[in-house]
Amino acid sequence: MIDYKKYGIGEREIEFRGVCQKTRGLVCGDYVRLVLGGNIHEYIKPLDSKRIEVEYFSVAQYTGLKDKNGKKIFEGDIVELKGLRYYSQEVTENFKVYFKKGRFCVYGGENGDVSLSDFCFVRDSRHDDYRNDCIVIGNIFENPELIK
């Protein structure tokens, strides 16, 4: 039998989040998609409760990254990145997190899609490292006004 943990495989936390159809609040857990009576239903199943039906457009995956304060970053989150350098000036900007071409990204203007891991709190076996100040300040479902 192969010891996958020896190779660092299978240690990533997989979690999803969605907007509850009834309460409009965010719920986190496992993602379940069922076809019932010819209709597709999307659910999030928290560990401690029954599955909760969510809006189909709101299902987002946890990136595996955390912000400066240790908060999990999901697709659709809006992050504030401080200390970005544009033409030798430090700036602070808000970005939406999305998944593209096999990685979680933020839009980097002329640079195109920039890997989110370049800006976030990254934990590995050697050290904890804050590369820039990355803070989750909201998400596109509850705070769309945070994106210009």
Protein backbone atom coordinates (compact mmCIF):
# COMPACT_ATOMS: atom_id res chain seq x y z
CA MET A 1 0.00 0.00 0.00
CA ILE A 2 1.29 3.46 -0.90
CA ASP A 3 1.75 5.97 1.93
CA TYR A 4 0.38 9.07 0.17
CA LYS A 5 1.04 11.34 3.15
CA LYS A 6 4.74 10.59 2.76
CA TYR A 7 4.55 12.42 -0.57
CA GLY A 8 2.28 15.22 0.67
CA ILE A 9 -0.66 13.91 -1.35
CA GLY A 10 -4.18 14.00 0.05
CA GLU A 11 -3.48 16.54 2.75
CA ARG A 12 -5.37 19.38 1.11
CA GLU A 13 -8.59 20.36 2.83
CA ILE A 14 -11.52 20.24 0.41
CA GLU A 15 -14.49 22.38 1.38
CA PHE A 16 -17.24 24.26 -0.41
CA ARG A 17 -19.43 27.23 0.39
CA GLY A 18 -22.76 28.43 -0.99
CA VAL A 19 -25.67 30.82 -0.39
CA CYS A 20 -28.58 29.08 1.37
CA GLN A 21 -31.81 29.38 -0.63
CA LYS A 22 -33.92 29.90 2.51
CA THR A 23 -31.84 32.13 4.79
CA ARG A 24 -29.57 33.77 2.15
CA GLY A 25 -26.66 33.14 4.54
CA LEU A 26 -23.43 31.37 3.64
CA VAL A 27 -22.99 27.69 4.53
CA CYS A 28 -19.80 25.60 4.35
CA GLY A 29 -19.24 21.87 4.02
CA ASP A 30 -19.23 19.09 1.43
CA TYR A 31 -20.75 19.73 -1.99
CA VAL A 32 -23.63 17.50 -3.16
CA ARG A 33 -25.35 17.71 -6.55
CA LEU A 34 -28.49 15.63 -7.06
CA VAL A 35 -30.86 15.16 -9.96
CA LEU A 36 -34.37 14.74 -8.56
CA GLY A 37 -37.35 14.42 -10.89
CA GLY A 38 -35.26 15.70 -13.77
CA ASN A 39 -34.19 18.84 -11.86
CA ILE A 40 -30.67 19.57 -10.64
CA HIS A 41 -30.36 20.50 -6.97
CA GLU A 42 -27.15 21.83 -5.37
CA TYR A 43 -26.50 21.27 -1.67
CA ILE A 44 -23.85 22.00 0.91
CA LYS A 45 -23.63 19.38 3.67
CA PRO A 46 -22.08 20.78 6.86
CA LEU A 47 -20.45 18.19 9.12
CA ASP A 48 -22.94 18.75 11.93
CA SER A 49 -26.27 18.95 10.07
CA LYS A 50 -28.38 17.80 7.15
CA ARG A 51 -27.71 19.01 3.62
CA ILE A 52 -28.80 22.56 2.83
CA GLU A 53 -29.99 23.58 -0.63
CA VAL A 54 -27.94 26.46 -2.05
CA GLU A 55 -28.18 28.74 -5.07
CA TYR A 56 -26.50 26.99 -8.01
CA PHE A 57 -24.47 30.07 -8.99
CA SER A 58 -23.02 30.50 -5.51
CA VAL A 59 -21.13 27.23 -5.02
CA ALA A 60 -17.46 28.06 -4.41
CA GLN A 61 -14.44 25.95 -3.45
CA TYR A 62 -11.96 26.64 -0.66
CA THR A 63 -8.64 27.60 -2.24
CA GLY A 64 -6.50 25.90 0.40
CA LEU A 65 -5.09 29.31 1.29
CA LYS A 66 -5.72 31.57 4.24
CA ASP A 67 -5.43 35.31 4.58
CA LYS A 68 -3.12 37.19 6.92
CA ASN A 69 -5.55 36.61 9.80
CA GLY A 70 -5.95 32.89 9.18
CA LYS A 71 -9.37 33.18 7.50
CA LYS A 72 -10.06 30.66 4.73
CA ILE A 73 -10.19 32.08 1.20
CA PHE A 74 -12.89 30.77 -1.16
CA GLU A 75 -13.64 31.41 -4.81
CA GLY A 76 -15.79 34.52 -5.00
CA ASP A 77 -14.17 36.12 -1.98
CA ILE A 78 -12.98 39.69 -2.25
CA VAL A 79 -9.49 40.16 -0.91
CA GLU A 80 -7.67 43.36 -0.14
CA LEU A 81 -4.03 43.19 -1.20
CA LYS A 82 -1.72 45.72 0.40
CA GLY A 83 1.78 46.55 -0.65
CA LEU A 84 1.36 45.88 -4.37
CA ARG A 85 3.95 47.68 -6.44
CA TYR A 86 2.91 49.64 -9.52
CA TYR A 87 5.51 51.94 -11.03
CA SER A 88 7.44 52.06 -7.72
CA GLN A 89 4.35 53.04 -5.71
CA GLU A 90 2.78 50.86 -3.06
CA VAL A 91 -0.97 50.54 -3.52
CA THR A 92 -3.88 48.72 -1.89
CA GLU A 93 -6.54 47.19 -4.12
CA ASN A 94 -9.52 44.83 -3.85
CA PHE A 95 -9.67 41.73 -6.03
CA LYS A 96 -12.16 38.93 -6.66
CA VAL A 97 -10.78 35.39 -6.26
CA TYR A 98 -11.53 32.97 -9.12
CA PHE A 99 -10.36 29.66 -10.57
CA LYS A 100 -8.73 29.59 -14.00
CA LYS A 101 -6.39 27.20 -15.77
CA GLY A 102 -5.86 24.97 -12.77
CA ARG A 103 -5.16 27.67 -10.17
CA PHE A 104 -6.86 30.22 -7.97
CA CYS A 105 -6.21 33.73 -9.24
CA VAL A 106 -6.82 37.42 -8.92
CA TYR A 107 -6.79 39.70 -11.95
CA GLY A 108 -3.46 41.48 -12.25
CA GLY A 109 -4.27 44.09 -14.90
CA GLU A 110 -1.66 44.10 -17.66
CA ASN A 111 -0.10 41.02 -16.08
CA GLY A 112 -3.32 39.04 -16.60
CA ASP A 113 -4.25 36.35 -14.11
CA VAL A 114 -1.95 36.27 -11.09
CA SER A 115 -1.78 33.23 -8.83
CA LEU A 116 -3.41 33.97 -5.49
CA SER A 117 -0.68 32.05 -3.68
CA ASP A 118 1.77 34.80 -4.66
CA PHE A 119 -0.08 37.14 -2.27
CA CYS A 120 -1.27 34.95 0.58
CA PHE A 121 -0.39 33.33 3.79
CA VAL A 122 1.31 30.08 2.83
CA ARG A 123 2.06 27.32 5.30
CA ASP A 124 4.54 24.57 4.62
CA SER A 125 6.61 22.23 6.73
CA ARG A 126 9.49 24.70 7.00
CA HIS A 127 7.85 27.96 8.03
CA ASP A 128 4.83 30.24 8.02
CA ASP A 129 5.23 33.14 5.65
CA TYR A 130 3.22 36.28 4.95
CA ARG A 131 4.21 37.35 1.46
CA ASN A 132 1.97 40.43 1.35
CA ASP A 133 -0.93 41.70 3.39
CA CYS A 134 -3.87 39.71 2.00
CA ILE A 135 -7.15 40.11 3.89
CA VAL A 136 -10.60 38.71 3.07
CA ILE A 137 -12.94 41.71 3.26
CA GLY A 138 -16.11 40.18 1.81
CA ASN A 139 -17.47 38.18 -1.08
CA ILE A 140 -19.27 38.83 -4.35
CA PHE A 141 -22.62 37.60 -3.01
CA GLU A 142 -22.84 39.76 0.10
CA ASN A 143 -20.55 42.67 -0.78
CA PRO A 144 -20.43 43.20 -4.58
CA GLU A 145 -19.86 46.94 -4.04
CA LEU A 146 -16.30 46.20 -2.82
CA ILE A 147 -15.19 45.50 -6.40
CA LYS A 148 -14.83 48.51 -8.70
